[in-house]
Amino acid sequence: MTASLIAIAHIAGSMAAVVVLGSFLNRIESWSHAINREQIFEEASTRLGISANELETGELKPELLQFFAERFSGESPGNRISDALGAVRTFWVLLGFLLQAVVLAAVAWYACSNSLKGAVHAWWIVAISLVFGIANFILARVCKLLTGRFPGQAGQARKGVAQLRESLEVAAQARARRDENARAAPQPQHDDRQSEDSRSDIGNGQLGPRGNA
């Protein structure tokens, strides 16, 4: 019974450690991306002559979209390197997850079928996660140093710009249809005879429908 609990503790503890380590690495990555975002917006503010407060409002100005389209264009060698390293990073992350899953499954199978003492090897997934996480961080730093972008950032930005432009086009078409429908809508026609009869009824003191007291 004690050996079983120890084996479970090894497996559960290693999995929990991987989650904590992954959360820590994600926080570092989020912090790096936040700083990079501020730098990009400062560059856009300087080049376009728009204050940072205006950029933070989220208003989709055409010149701002054009700035991002040019900065993250697929024609730029730096953006091409970012795209390529983004694919490498995706493969690297998937490989790390796959390797951790295989090791954990092998350790669990060995602990259940041979010896519970083998569960201690579950801590190898923490080492694998750490190695892949550090390698991923180094790859991101090298890519940022060479291109000024993170791996895959240029491609993601282009997709975002395309989606925003499509949204603006759809909104513009919807406004155009509403304006066209408003112009084509028939204007209410006033019956001059009915208006004259109504005035006559009021003058005669008839409050109800015409012909009733």
N, C-alpha and C. Protein backbone atom coordinates (compact mmCIF):
# COMPACT_ATOMS: atom_id res chain seq x y z
N MET A 1 0.83 -1.21 0.00
CA MET A 1 0.00 0.00 0.00
C MET A 1 0.87 1.26 0.00
N THR A 2 1.89 1.26 0.85
CA THR A 2 2.79 2.41 0.92
C THR A 2 3.54 2.61 -0.39
N ALA A 3 3.99 1.52 -1.00
CA ALA A 3 4.70 1.61 -2.27
C ALA A 3 3.80 2.17 -3.36
N SER A 4 2.53 1.79 -3.33
CA SER A 4 1.58 2.31 -4.32
C SER A 4 1.39 3.82 -4.15
N LEU A 5 1.27 4.26 -2.90
CA LEU A 5 1.10 5.69 -2.65
C LEU A 5 2.33 6.49 -3.08
N ILE A 6 3.50 5.90 -2.82
CA ILE A 6 4.74 6.58 -3.24
C ILE A 6 4.80 6.68 -4.75
N ALA A 7 4.41 5.61 -5.44
CA ALA A 7 4.42 5.63 -6.90
C ALA A 7 3.46 6.68 -7.45
N ILE A 8 2.26 6.73 -6.84
CA ILE A 8 1.28 7.74 -7.26
C ILE A 8 1.81 9.14 -7.00
N ALA A 9 2.48 9.31 -5.85
CA ALA A 9 3.03 10.63 -5.51
C ALA A 9 4.10 11.05 -6.51
N HIS A 10 4.93 10.11 -6.94
CA HIS A 10 5.95 10.44 -7.94
C HIS A 10 5.32 10.90 -9.25
N ILE A 11 4.33 10.17 -9.72
CA ILE A 11 3.71 10.50 -11.01
C ILE A 11 2.92 11.80 -10.91
N ALA A 12 2.09 11.92 -9.86
CA ALA A 12 1.28 13.13 -9.70
C ALA A 12 2.18 14.35 -9.44
N GLY A 13 3.22 14.14 -8.63
CA GLY A 13 4.11 15.26 -8.33
C GLY A 13 4.86 15.76 -9.56
N SER A 14 5.30 14.84 -10.38
CA SER A 14 6.01 15.24 -11.60
C SER A 14 5.08 15.99 -12.55
N MET A 15 3.85 15.54 -12.66
CA MET A 15 2.89 16.23 -13.52
C MET A 15 2.59 17.63 -13.00
N ALA A 16 2.43 17.75 -11.69
CA ALA A 16 2.18 19.07 -11.10
C ALA A 16 3.36 20.00 -11.31
N ALA A 17 4.57 19.46 -11.19
CA ALA A 17 5.77 20.28 -11.40
C ALA A 17 5.85 20.77 -12.83
N VAL A 18 5.46 19.94 -13.79
CA VAL A 18 5.46 20.34 -15.19
C VAL A 18 4.46 21.49 -15.41
N VAL A 19 3.30 21.39 -14.78
CA VAL A 19 2.29 22.44 -14.93
C VAL A 19 2.80 23.76 -14.36
N VAL A 20 3.41 23.70 -13.17
CA VAL A 20 3.94 24.92 -12.55
C VAL A 20 5.06 25.52 -13.40
N LEU A 21 5.95 24.67 -13.90
CA LEU A 21 7.05 25.15 -14.73
C LEU A 21 6.52 25.77 -16.02
N GLY A 22 5.54 25.12 -16.63
CA GLY A 22 4.95 25.66 -17.86
C GLY A 22 4.28 27.00 -17.62
N SER A 23 3.59 27.13 -16.48
CA SER A 23 2.94 28.40 -16.16
C SER A 23 3.98 29.51 -15.98
N PHE A 24 5.09 29.17 -15.32
CA PHE A 24 6.15 30.15 -15.12
C PHE A 24 6.76 30.61 -16.44
N LEU A 25 7.03 29.66 -17.33
CA LEU A 25 7.60 30.00 -18.63
C LEU A 25 6.62 30.81 -19.48
N ASN A 26 5.33 30.50 -19.38
CA ASN A 26 4.32 31.26 -20.12
C ASN A 26 4.22 32.69 -19.63
N ARG A 27 4.40 32.89 -18.32
CA ARG A 27 4.37 34.24 -17.78
C ARG A 27 5.54 35.07 -18.32
N ILE A 28 6.71 34.44 -18.38
CA ILE A 28 7.88 35.13 -18.93
C ILE A 28 7.63 35.50 -20.40
N GLU A 29 7.06 34.57 -21.14
CA GLU A 29 6.78 34.82 -22.56
C GLU A 29 5.75 35.93 -22.72
N SER A 30 4.70 35.92 -21.90
CA SER A 30 3.68 36.96 -21.97
C SER A 30 4.27 38.33 -21.65
N TRP A 31 5.16 38.37 -20.66
CA TRP A 31 5.81 39.62 -20.31
C TRP A 31 6.67 40.14 -21.47
N SER A 32 7.38 39.24 -22.14
CA SER A 32 8.21 39.63 -23.28
C SER A 32 7.36 40.16 -24.42
N HIS A 33 6.22 39.51 -24.69
CA HIS A 33 5.34 39.95 -25.76
C HIS A 33 4.70 41.30 -25.42
N ALA A 34 4.40 41.53 -24.15
CA ALA A 34 3.82 42.81 -23.75
C ALA A 34 4.81 43.96 -23.99
N ILE A 35 6.07 43.73 -23.65
CA ILE A 35 7.10 44.75 -23.90
C ILE A 35 7.26 44.98 -25.40
N ASN A 36 7.26 43.90 -26.17
CA ASN A 36 7.39 44.03 -27.62
C ASN A 36 6.21 44.79 -28.21
N ARG A 37 5.01 44.55 -27.69
CA ARG A 37 3.82 45.27 -28.16
C ARG A 37 3.94 46.76 -27.90
N GLU A 38 4.43 47.12 -26.72
CA GLU A 38 4.62 48.54 -26.41
C GLU A 38 5.63 49.19 -27.35
N GLN A 39 6.68 48.47 -27.68
CA GLN A 39 7.69 49.00 -28.59
C GLN A 39 7.11 49.22 -29.98
N ILE A 40 6.29 48.29 -30.43
CA ILE A 40 5.67 48.42 -31.76
C ILE A 40 4.73 49.62 -31.80
N PHE A 41 3.94 49.79 -30.76
CA PHE A 41 3.00 50.91 -30.72
C PHE A 41 3.73 52.25 -30.61
N GLU A 42 4.86 52.27 -29.92
CA GLU A 42 5.66 53.49 -29.85
C GLU A 42 6.21 53.83 -31.24
N GLU A 43 6.64 52.80 -31.97
CA GLU A 43 7.13 53.03 -33.33
C GLU A 43 6.02 53.55 -34.23
N ALA A 44 4.81 52.95 -34.10
CA ALA A 44 3.67 53.40 -34.90
C ALA A 44 3.29 54.83 -34.54
N SER A 45 3.34 55.16 -33.26
CA SER A 45 3.01 56.51 -32.81
C SER A 45 3.97 57.53 -33.39
N THR A 46 5.26 57.20 -33.40
CA THR A 46 6.26 58.13 -33.93
C THR A 46 6.13 58.29 -35.44
N ARG A 47 5.93 57.20 -36.16
CA ARG A 47 5.90 57.26 -37.62
C ARG A 47 4.62 57.90 -38.14
N LEU A 48 3.49 57.63 -37.49
CA LEU A 48 2.21 58.13 -37.98
C LEU A 48 1.82 59.46 -37.35
N GLY A 49 2.53 59.87 -36.33
CA GLY A 49 2.18 61.11 -35.66
C GLY A 49 0.90 61.00 -34.86
N ILE A 50 0.64 59.82 -34.34
CA ILE A 50 -0.56 59.56 -33.53
C ILE A 50 -0.12 59.31 -32.10
N SER A 51 -0.82 59.92 -31.15
CA SER A 51 -0.44 59.74 -29.76
C SER A 51 -0.70 58.31 -29.32
N ALA A 52 0.05 57.89 -28.32
CA ALA A 52 -0.10 56.53 -27.80
C ALA A 52 -1.51 56.31 -27.24
N ASN A 53 -2.10 57.36 -26.67
CA ASN A 53 -3.45 57.23 -26.11
C ASN A 53 -4.47 56.93 -27.20
N GLU A 54 -4.29 57.54 -28.37
CA GLU A 54 -5.20 57.27 -29.48
C GLU A 54 -5.06 55.84 -29.97
N LEU A 55 -3.82 55.33 -29.97
CA LEU A 55 -3.61 53.95 -30.40
C LEU A 55 -4.24 52.97 -29.43
N GLU A 56 -4.23 53.31 -28.13
CA GLU A 56 -4.77 52.41 -27.12
C GLU A 56 -6.28 52.35 -27.13
N THR A 57 -6.94 53.31 -27.81
CA THR A 57 -8.40 53.29 -27.85
C THR A 57 -8.94 52.14 -28.67
N GLY A 58 -8.08 51.58 -29.56
CA GLY A 58 -8.52 50.44 -30.36
C GLY A 58 -9.22 50.82 -31.64
N GLU A 59 -9.24 52.14 -31.97
CA GLU A 59 -9.88 52.57 -33.20
C GLU A 59 -9.07 52.09 -34.41
N LEU A 60 -9.75 51.46 -35.35
CA LEU A 60 -9.07 50.85 -36.49
C LEU A 60 -8.91 51.89 -37.60
N LYS A 61 -7.85 52.68 -37.50
CA LYS A 61 -7.59 53.68 -38.52
C LYS A 61 -6.90 53.02 -39.71
N PRO A 62 -7.25 53.43 -40.94
CA PRO A 62 -6.64 52.81 -42.13
C PRO A 62 -5.13 52.94 -42.15
N GLU A 63 -4.60 54.10 -41.70
CA GLU A 63 -3.15 54.27 -41.73
C GLU A 63 -2.46 53.35 -40.73
N LEU A 64 -3.14 53.02 -39.64
CA LEU A 64 -2.56 52.11 -38.66
C LEU A 64 -2.51 50.69 -39.22
N LEU A 65 -3.57 50.28 -39.89
CA LEU A 65 -3.58 48.96 -40.51
C LEU A 65 -2.51 48.88 -41.60
N GLN A 66 -2.35 49.96 -42.35
CA GLN A 66 -1.33 49.98 -43.39
C GLN A 66 0.07 49.87 -42.80
N PHE A 67 0.27 50.51 -41.65
CA PHE A 67 1.57 50.43 -40.97
C PHE A 67 1.90 48.99 -40.58
N PHE A 68 0.92 48.30 -39.99
CA PHE A 68 1.16 46.92 -39.57
C PHE A 68 1.33 46.00 -40.79
N ALA A 69 0.57 46.28 -41.85
CA ALA A 69 0.70 45.45 -43.06
C ALA A 69 2.09 45.57 -43.65
N GLU A 70 2.64 46.77 -43.66
CA GLU A 70 3.99 46.98 -44.20
C GLU A 70 5.05 46.42 -43.26
N ARG A 71 4.86 46.60 -41.96
CA ARG A 71 5.87 46.15 -41.00
C ARG A 71 6.00 44.63 -40.98
N PHE A 72 4.88 43.94 -41.15
CA PHE A 72 4.89 42.48 -41.07
C PHE A 72 4.67 41.83 -42.44
N SER A 73 5.03 42.54 -43.49
CA SER A 73 4.85 42.02 -44.84
C SER A 73 5.66 40.74 -45.05
N GLY A 74 5.06 39.83 -45.80
CA GLY A 74 5.75 38.59 -46.10
C GLY A 74 6.91 38.76 -47.06
N GLU A 75 7.05 39.94 -47.65
CA GLU A 75 8.16 40.20 -48.57
C GLU A 75 9.45 40.53 -47.84
N SER A 76 9.34 40.89 -46.56
CA SER A 76 10.53 41.26 -45.79
C SER A 76 11.32 40.02 -45.40
N PRO A 77 12.65 40.02 -45.59
CA PRO A 77 13.47 38.86 -45.20
C PRO A 77 13.36 38.55 -43.71
N GLY A 78 13.30 39.60 -42.88
CA GLY A 78 13.17 39.37 -41.45
C GLY A 78 11.88 38.68 -41.09
N ASN A 79 10.79 39.07 -41.77
CA ASN A 79 9.50 38.43 -41.50
C ASN A 79 9.48 36.99 -42.00
N ARG A 80 10.20 36.73 -43.09
CA ARG A 80 10.30 35.35 -43.58
C ARG A 80 11.05 34.47 -42.57
N ILE A 81 12.10 35.02 -41.99
CA ILE A 81 12.83 34.27 -40.95
C ILE A 81 11.92 34.02 -39.75
N SER A 82 11.14 35.03 -39.37
CA SER A 82 10.21 34.88 -38.26
C SER A 82 9.19 33.78 -38.55
N ASP A 83 8.68 33.74 -39.77
CA ASP A 83 7.72 32.70 -40.14
C ASP A 83 8.35 31.31 -40.08
N ALA A 84 9.58 31.21 -40.60
CA ALA A 84 10.25 29.91 -40.61
C ALA A 84 10.54 29.43 -39.19
N LEU A 85 11.04 30.33 -38.35
CA LEU A 85 11.32 29.95 -36.96
C LEU A 85 10.04 29.70 -36.18
N GLY A 86 8.95 30.32 -36.60
CA GLY A 86 7.65 30.03 -35.97
C GLY A 86 7.23 28.59 -36.22
N ALA A 87 7.47 28.11 -37.46
CA ALA A 87 7.16 26.71 -37.78
C ALA A 87 8.07 25.77 -36.99
N VAL A 88 9.35 26.15 -36.87
CA VAL A 88 10.29 25.33 -36.09
C VAL A 88 9.85 25.28 -34.63
N ARG A 89 9.44 26.42 -34.12
CA ARG A 89 9.02 26.47 -32.72
C ARG A 89 7.78 25.60 -32.48
N THR A 90 6.82 25.67 -33.40
CA THR A 90 5.61 24.84 -33.26
C THR A 90 5.97 23.36 -33.24
N PHE A 91 6.85 22.95 -34.16
CA PHE A 91 7.29 21.56 -34.19
C PHE A 91 8.01 21.19 -32.89
N TRP A 92 8.84 22.10 -32.39
CA TRP A 92 9.61 21.85 -31.18
C TRP A 92 8.69 21.68 -29.96
N VAL A 93 7.69 22.52 -29.86
CA VAL A 93 6.75 22.43 -28.75
C VAL A 93 5.96 21.12 -28.80
N LEU A 94 5.48 20.77 -29.99
CA LEU A 94 4.74 19.52 -30.15
C LEU A 94 5.62 18.31 -29.84
N LEU A 95 6.87 18.37 -30.26
CA LEU A 95 7.80 17.29 -29.97
C LEU A 95 8.02 17.15 -28.47
N GLY A 96 8.13 18.28 -27.77
CA GLY A 96 8.31 18.23 -26.32
C GLY A 96 7.12 17.60 -25.62
N PHE A 97 5.91 18.00 -26.02
CA PHE A 97 4.71 17.41 -25.43
C PHE A 97 4.63 15.91 -25.72
N LEU A 98 4.94 15.54 -26.95
CA LEU A 98 4.88 14.13 -27.32
C LEU A 98 5.88 13.31 -26.51
N LEU A 99 7.09 13.83 -26.38
CA LEU A 99 8.12 13.11 -25.63
C LEU A 99 7.74 12.97 -24.15
N GLN A 100 7.18 14.00 -23.58
CA GLN A 100 6.74 13.91 -22.19
C GLN A 100 5.62 12.88 -22.02
N ALA A 101 4.69 12.87 -22.97
CA ALA A 101 3.58 11.91 -22.89
C ALA A 101 4.09 10.48 -23.01
N VAL A 102 5.04 10.26 -23.92
CA VAL A 102 5.59 8.91 -24.10
C VAL A 102 6.32 8.45 -22.85
N VAL A 103 7.15 9.32 -22.27
CA VAL A 103 7.89 8.96 -21.06
C VAL A 103 6.94 8.68 -19.91
N LEU A 104 5.93 9.52 -19.74
CA LEU A 104 4.99 9.31 -18.64
C LEU A 104 4.20 8.02 -18.82
N ALA A 105 3.79 7.73 -20.04
CA ALA A 105 3.06 6.49 -20.30
C ALA A 105 3.95 5.28 -20.05
N ALA A 106 5.21 5.36 -20.49
CA ALA A 106 6.14 4.24 -20.28
C ALA A 106 6.41 4.01 -18.80
N VAL A 107 6.57 5.08 -18.05
CA VAL A 107 6.82 4.95 -16.60
C VAL A 107 5.61 4.35 -15.91
N ALA A 108 4.42 4.83 -16.27
CA ALA A 108 3.20 4.29 -15.65
C ALA A 108 3.02 2.82 -15.98
N TRP A 109 3.28 2.46 -17.24
CA TRP A 109 3.15 1.05 -17.63
C TRP A 109 4.16 0.19 -16.88
N TYR A 110 5.40 0.65 -16.78
CA TYR A 110 6.44 -0.13 -16.08
C TYR A 110 6.12 -0.26 -14.60
N ALA A 111 5.62 0.82 -13.99
CA ALA A 111 5.29 0.77 -12.56
C ALA A 111 4.14 -0.19 -12.30
N CYS A 112 3.20 -0.27 -13.19
CA CYS A 112 2.04 -1.14 -12.98
C CYS A 112 2.35 -2.61 -13.31
N SER A 113 3.20 -2.84 -14.28
CA SER A 113 3.44 -4.21 -14.73
C SER A 113 4.69 -4.85 -14.15
N ASN A 114 5.65 -4.06 -13.69
CA ASN A 114 6.91 -4.63 -13.19
C ASN A 114 7.19 -4.22 -11.75
N SER A 115 7.60 -3.01 -11.54
CA SER A 115 7.97 -2.57 -10.19
C SER A 115 7.48 -1.16 -9.94
N LEU A 116 6.87 -0.96 -8.78
CA LEU A 116 6.39 0.36 -8.44
C LEU A 116 7.53 1.36 -8.23
N LYS A 117 8.72 0.82 -7.96
CA LYS A 117 9.86 1.71 -7.77
C LYS A 117 10.21 2.46 -9.05
N GLY A 118 9.78 1.92 -10.18
CA GLY A 118 10.07 2.58 -11.46
C GLY A 118 9.33 3.90 -11.62
N ALA A 119 8.34 4.19 -10.74
CA ALA A 119 7.58 5.43 -10.86
C ALA A 119 8.44 6.66 -10.62
N VAL A 120 9.58 6.47 -9.95
CA VAL A 120 10.46 7.60 -9.68
C VAL A 120 10.98 8.22 -10.98
N HIS A 121 11.00 7.45 -12.05
CA HIS A 121 11.48 7.97 -13.34
C HIS A 121 10.50 8.96 -13.98
N ALA A 122 9.33 9.11 -13.37
CA ALA A 122 8.36 10.08 -13.91
C ALA A 122 8.91 11.50 -13.85
N TRP A 123 9.87 11.74 -12.95
CA TRP A 123 10.45 13.08 -12.84
C TRP A 123 11.26 13.46 -14.07
N TRP A 124 11.50 12.50 -14.96
CA TRP A 124 12.20 12.84 -16.20
C TRP A 124 11.37 13.81 -17.05
N ILE A 125 10.05 13.77 -16.91
CA ILE A 125 9.23 14.68 -17.72
C ILE A 125 9.47 16.14 -17.31
N VAL A 126 9.83 16.36 -16.06
CA VAL A 126 10.16 17.71 -15.61
C VAL A 126 11.45 18.18 -16.29
N ALA A 127 12.43 17.29 -16.34
CA ALA A 127 13.68 17.63 -17.02
C ALA A 127 13.46 17.90 -18.50
N ILE A 128 12.61 17.08 -19.13
CA ILE A 128 12.31 17.29 -20.55
C ILE A 128 11.63 18.63 -20.76
N SER A 129 10.65 18.94 -19.90
CA SER A 129 9.94 20.21 -20.00
C SER A 129 10.88 21.38 -19.82
N LEU A 130 11.81 21.27 -18.88
CA LEU A 130 12.76 22.35 -18.63
C LEU A 130 13.69 22.56 -19.82
N VAL A 131 14.21 21.45 -20.38
CA VAL A 131 15.12 21.55 -21.52
C VAL A 131 14.42 22.18 -22.72
N PHE A 132 13.23 21.71 -23.03
CA PHE A 132 12.50 22.26 -24.18
C PHE A 132 12.09 23.70 -23.92
N GLY A 133 11.73 24.01 -22.69
CA GLY A 133 11.36 25.39 -22.37
C GLY A 133 12.52 26.35 -22.53
N ILE A 134 13.69 25.96 -22.04
CA ILE A 134 14.87 26.81 -22.17
C ILE A 134 15.25 26.97 -23.65
N ALA A 135 15.20 25.87 -24.40
CA ALA A 135 15.52 25.94 -25.82
C ALA A 135 14.53 26.85 -26.55
N ASN A 136 13.28 26.78 -26.18
CA ASN A 136 12.26 27.63 -26.79
C ASN A 136 12.52 29.10 -26.48
N PHE A 137 12.92 29.38 -25.24
CA PHE A 137 13.22 30.74 -24.84
C PHE A 137 14.42 31.28 -25.62
N ILE A 138 15.45 30.46 -25.75
CA ILE A 138 16.65 30.88 -26.50
C ILE A 138 16.30 31.13 -27.97
N LEU A 139 15.48 30.26 -28.55
CA LEU A 139 15.06 30.44 -29.94
C LEU A 139 14.32 31.76 -30.12
N ALA A 140 13.45 32.08 -29.18
CA ALA A 140 12.70 33.34 -29.27
C ALA A 140 13.62 34.53 -29.16
N ARG A 141 14.60 34.46 -28.25
CA ARG A 141 15.54 35.58 -28.08
C ARG A 141 16.39 35.78 -29.34
N VAL A 142 16.87 34.67 -29.91
CA VAL A 142 17.69 34.77 -31.12
C VAL A 142 16.88 35.35 -32.28
N CYS A 143 15.63 34.91 -32.42
CA CYS A 143 14.77 35.41 -33.49
C CYS A 143 14.50 36.90 -33.29
N LYS A 144 14.24 37.30 -32.07
CA LYS A 144 13.98 38.72 -31.79
C LYS A 144 15.23 39.56 -32.07
N LEU A 145 16.39 39.03 -31.76
CA LEU A 145 17.63 39.75 -31.99
C LEU A 145 17.92 39.90 -33.49
N LEU A 146 17.61 38.86 -34.26
CA LEU A 146 17.92 38.88 -35.69
C LEU A 146 16.90 39.67 -36.50
N THR A 147 15.65 39.55 -36.15
CA THR A 147 14.57 40.10 -36.99
C THR A 147 13.76 41.20 -36.32
N GLY A 148 13.85 41.33 -35.00
CA GLY A 148 12.99 42.29 -34.31
C GLY A 148 11.60 41.76 -34.07
N ARG A 149 11.38 40.50 -34.38
CA ARG A 149 10.09 39.86 -34.18
C ARG A 149 10.30 38.53 -33.46
N PHE A 150 9.24 38.03 -32.84
CA PHE A 150 9.30 36.72 -32.23
C PHE A 150 8.97 35.66 -33.28
N PRO A 151 9.31 34.41 -33.02
CA PRO A 151 8.98 33.35 -34.00
C PRO A 151 7.48 33.28 -34.28
N GLY A 152 7.13 33.38 -35.54
CA GLY A 152 5.73 33.30 -35.94
C GLY A 152 4.94 34.58 -35.77
N GLN A 153 5.54 35.62 -35.21
CA GLN A 153 4.80 36.86 -34.95
C GLN A 153 4.36 37.54 -36.23
N ALA A 154 5.22 37.55 -37.24
CA ALA A 154 4.88 38.23 -38.49
C ALA A 154 3.66 37.59 -39.15
N GLY A 155 3.63 36.26 -39.20
CA GLY A 155 2.50 35.57 -39.81
C GLY A 155 1.21 35.81 -39.05
N GLN A 156 1.27 35.78 -37.74
CA GLN A 156 0.08 36.04 -36.93
C GLN A 156 -0.42 37.47 -37.13
N ALA A 157 0.52 38.42 -37.24
CA ALA A 157 0.12 39.81 -37.46
C ALA A 157 -0.56 39.97 -38.81
N ARG A 158 -0.05 39.31 -39.84
CA ARG A 158 -0.67 39.41 -41.17
C ARG A 158 -2.08 38.85 -41.15
N LYS A 159 -2.28 37.75 -40.45
CA LYS A 159 -3.62 37.18 -40.34
C LYS A 159 -4.55 38.15 -39.62
N GLY A 160 -4.04 38.77 -38.55
CA GLY A 160 -4.86 39.72 -37.81
C GLY A 160 -5.24 40.92 -38.65
N VAL A 161 -4.29 41.45 -39.44
CA VAL A 161 -4.58 42.59 -40.30
C VAL A 161 -5.61 42.22 -41.36
N ALA A 162 -5.48 41.03 -41.94
CA ALA A 162 -6.44 40.58 -42.96
C ALA A 162 -7.83 40.45 -42.37
N GLN A 163 -7.95 39.91 -41.16
CA GLN A 163 -9.25 39.77 -40.52
C GLN A 163 -9.87 41.12 -40.20
N LEU A 164 -9.04 42.08 -39.73
CA LEU A 164 -9.55 43.41 -39.42
C LEU A 164 -10.02 44.13 -40.68
N ARG A 165 -9.26 43.99 -41.75
CA ARG A 165 -9.67 44.62 -43.00
C ARG A 165 -10.98 44.02 -43.51
N GLU A 166 -11.11 42.72 -43.39
CA GLU A 166 -12.35 42.07 -43.81
C GLU A 166 -13.52 42.55 -42.97
N SER A 167 -13.30 42.71 -41.66
CA SER A 167 -14.36 43.20 -40.78
C SER A 167 -14.77 44.62 -41.16
N LEU A 168 -13.77 45.46 -41.47
CA LEU A 168 -14.08 46.83 -41.88
C LEU A 168 -14.86 46.86 -43.19
N GLU A 169 -14.49 46.00 -44.14
CA GLU A 169 -15.19 45.94 -45.41
C GLU A 169 -16.64 45.48 -45.21
N VAL A 170 -16.84 44.48 -44.37
CA VAL A 170 -18.20 44.00 -44.10
C VAL A 170 -19.03 45.10 -43.45
N ALA A 171 -18.44 45.82 -42.49
CA ALA A 171 -19.16 46.90 -41.82
C ALA A 171 -19.50 48.01 -42.80
N ALA A 172 -18.56 48.34 -43.71
CA ALA A 172 -18.81 49.39 -44.70
C ALA A 172 -19.93 48.97 -45.66
N GLN A 173 -19.92 47.71 -46.09
CA GLN A 173 -20.98 47.23 -46.97
C GLN A 173 -22.33 47.26 -46.28
N ALA A 174 -22.35 46.90 -44.99
CA ALA A 174 -23.60 46.92 -44.25
C ALA A 174 -24.14 48.35 -44.12
N ARG A 175 -23.25 49.32 -43.87
CA ARG A 175 -23.69 50.71 -43.79
C ARG A 175 -24.20 51.20 -45.14
N ALA A 176 -23.52 50.81 -46.22
CA ALA A 176 -23.96 51.22 -47.55
C ALA A 176 -25.35 50.66 -47.86
N ARG A 177 -25.60 49.39 -47.49
CA ARG A 177 -26.93 48.80 -47.73
C ARG A 177 -28.00 49.51 -46.91
N ARG A 178 -27.67 49.85 -45.66
CA ARG A 178 -28.66 50.56 -44.84
C ARG A 178 -28.98 51.94 -45.43
N ASP A 179 -27.95 52.63 -45.90
CA ASP A 179 -28.19 53.95 -46.50
C ASP A 179 -29.02 53.83 -47.77
N GLU A 180 -28.73 52.80 -48.58
CA GLU A 180 -29.47 52.60 -49.83
C GLU A 180 -30.93 52.26 -49.54
N ASN A 181 -31.14 51.40 -48.54
CA ASN A 181 -32.52 51.04 -48.18
C ASN A 181 -33.27 52.25 -47.63
N ALA A 182 -32.55 53.09 -46.89
CA ALA A 182 -33.21 54.28 -46.34
C ALA A 182 -33.62 55.24 -47.46
N ARG A 183 -32.76 55.38 -48.48
CA ARG A 183 -33.10 56.26 -49.61
C ARG A 183 -34.22 55.68 -50.46
N ALA A 184 -34.26 54.34 -50.57
CA ALA A 184 -35.27 53.70 -51.43
C ALA A 184 -36.61 53.54 -50.73
N ALA A 185 -36.65 53.73 -49.42
CA ALA A 185 -37.91 53.55 -48.68
C ALA A 185 -38.90 54.62 -49.10
N PRO A 186 -40.20 54.25 -49.36
CA PRO A 186 -41.21 55.25 -49.78
C PRO A 186 -41.50 56.22 -48.64
N GLN A 187 -41.63 57.51 -49.01
CA GLN A 187 -41.94 58.53 -48.02
C GLN A 187 -43.44 58.52 -47.74
N PRO A 188 -43.82 58.75 -46.49
CA PRO A 188 -45.26 58.74 -46.16
C PRO A 188 -46.02 59.81 -46.92
N GLN A 189 -47.18 59.45 -47.52
CA GLN A 189 -48.02 60.35 -48.28
C GLN A 189 -49.13 60.89 -47.37
N HIS A 190 -49.34 62.19 -47.37
CA HIS A 190 -50.40 62.82 -46.57
C HIS A 190 -51.63 63.03 -47.43
N ASP A 191 -52.76 62.60 -46.96
CA ASP A 191 -54.04 62.78 -47.66
C ASP A 191 -54.58 64.16 -47.31
N ASP A 192 -54.49 65.09 -48.27
CA ASP A 192 -54.92 66.45 -48.00
C ASP A 192 -56.40 66.52 -47.69
N ARG A 193 -57.20 65.66 -48.37
CA ARG A 193 -58.64 65.68 -48.13
C ARG A 193 -58.96 65.23 -46.72
N GLN A 194 -58.29 64.18 -46.28
CA GLN A 194 -58.54 63.67 -44.93
C GLN A 194 -58.11 64.70 -43.89
N SER A 195 -57.00 65.40 -44.16
CA SER A 195 -56.53 66.41 -43.23
C SER A 195 -57.53 67.54 -43.15
N GLU A 196 -58.08 67.94 -44.32
CA GLU A 196 -59.06 69.02 -44.34
C GLU A 196 -60.32 68.63 -43.59
N ASP A 197 -60.78 67.36 -43.79
CA ASP A 197 -61.98 66.88 -43.09
C ASP A 197 -61.73 66.84 -41.59
N SER A 198 -60.55 66.45 -41.19
CA SER A 198 -60.24 66.38 -39.76
C SER A 198 -60.28 67.76 -39.14
N ARG A 199 -59.74 68.74 -39.85
CA ARG A 199 -59.78 70.10 -39.33
C ARG A 199 -61.20 70.60 -39.23
N SER A 200 -62.03 70.19 -40.20
CA SER A 200 -63.43 70.59 -40.18
C SER A 200 -64.15 69.98 -39.00
N ASP A 201 -63.84 68.71 -38.72
CA ASP A 201 -64.47 68.03 -37.59
C ASP A 201 -64.10 68.70 -36.28
N ILE A 202 -62.81 69.06 -36.16
CA ILE A 202 -62.38 69.72 -34.93
C ILE A 202 -63.08 71.06 -34.78
N GLY A 203 -63.20 71.77 -35.91
CA GLY A 203 -63.86 73.07 -35.85
C GLY A 203 -65.32 72.94 -35.48
N ASN A 204 -65.96 71.81 -35.88
CA ASN A 204 -67.37 71.60 -35.57
C ASN A 204 -67.58 71.00 -34.20
N GLY A 205 -66.51 70.73 -33.50
CA GLY A 205 -66.65 70.19 -32.15
C GLY A 205 -66.87 68.70 -32.12
N GLN A 206 -66.60 67.98 -33.23
CA GLN A 206 -66.77 66.53 -33.27
C GLN A 206 -65.47 65.89 -32.83
N LEU A 207 -65.49 65.20 -31.69
CA LEU A 207 -64.30 64.58 -31.15
C LEU A 207 -64.12 63.16 -31.61
N GLY A 208 -65.18 62.50 -31.98
CA GLY A 208 -65.11 61.10 -32.37
C GLY A 208 -64.88 61.00 -33.85
N PRO A 209 -64.98 59.74 -34.40
CA PRO A 209 -64.82 59.55 -35.84
C PRO A 209 -65.85 60.35 -36.60
N ARG A 210 -65.57 60.61 -37.83
CA ARG A 210 -66.43 61.44 -38.68
C ARG A 210 -67.80 60.79 -38.76
N GLY A 211 -68.81 61.63 -38.49
CA GLY A 211 -70.19 61.17 -38.58
C GLY A 211 -70.73 60.72 -37.25
N ASN A 212 -69.92 60.60 -36.19
CA ASN A 212 -70.40 60.17 -34.87
C ASN A 212 -70.40 61.35 -33.94
N ALA A 213 -71.27 61.33 -33.00
CA ALA A 213 -71.39 62.42 -32.04
C ALA A 213 -70.31 62.30 -31.01
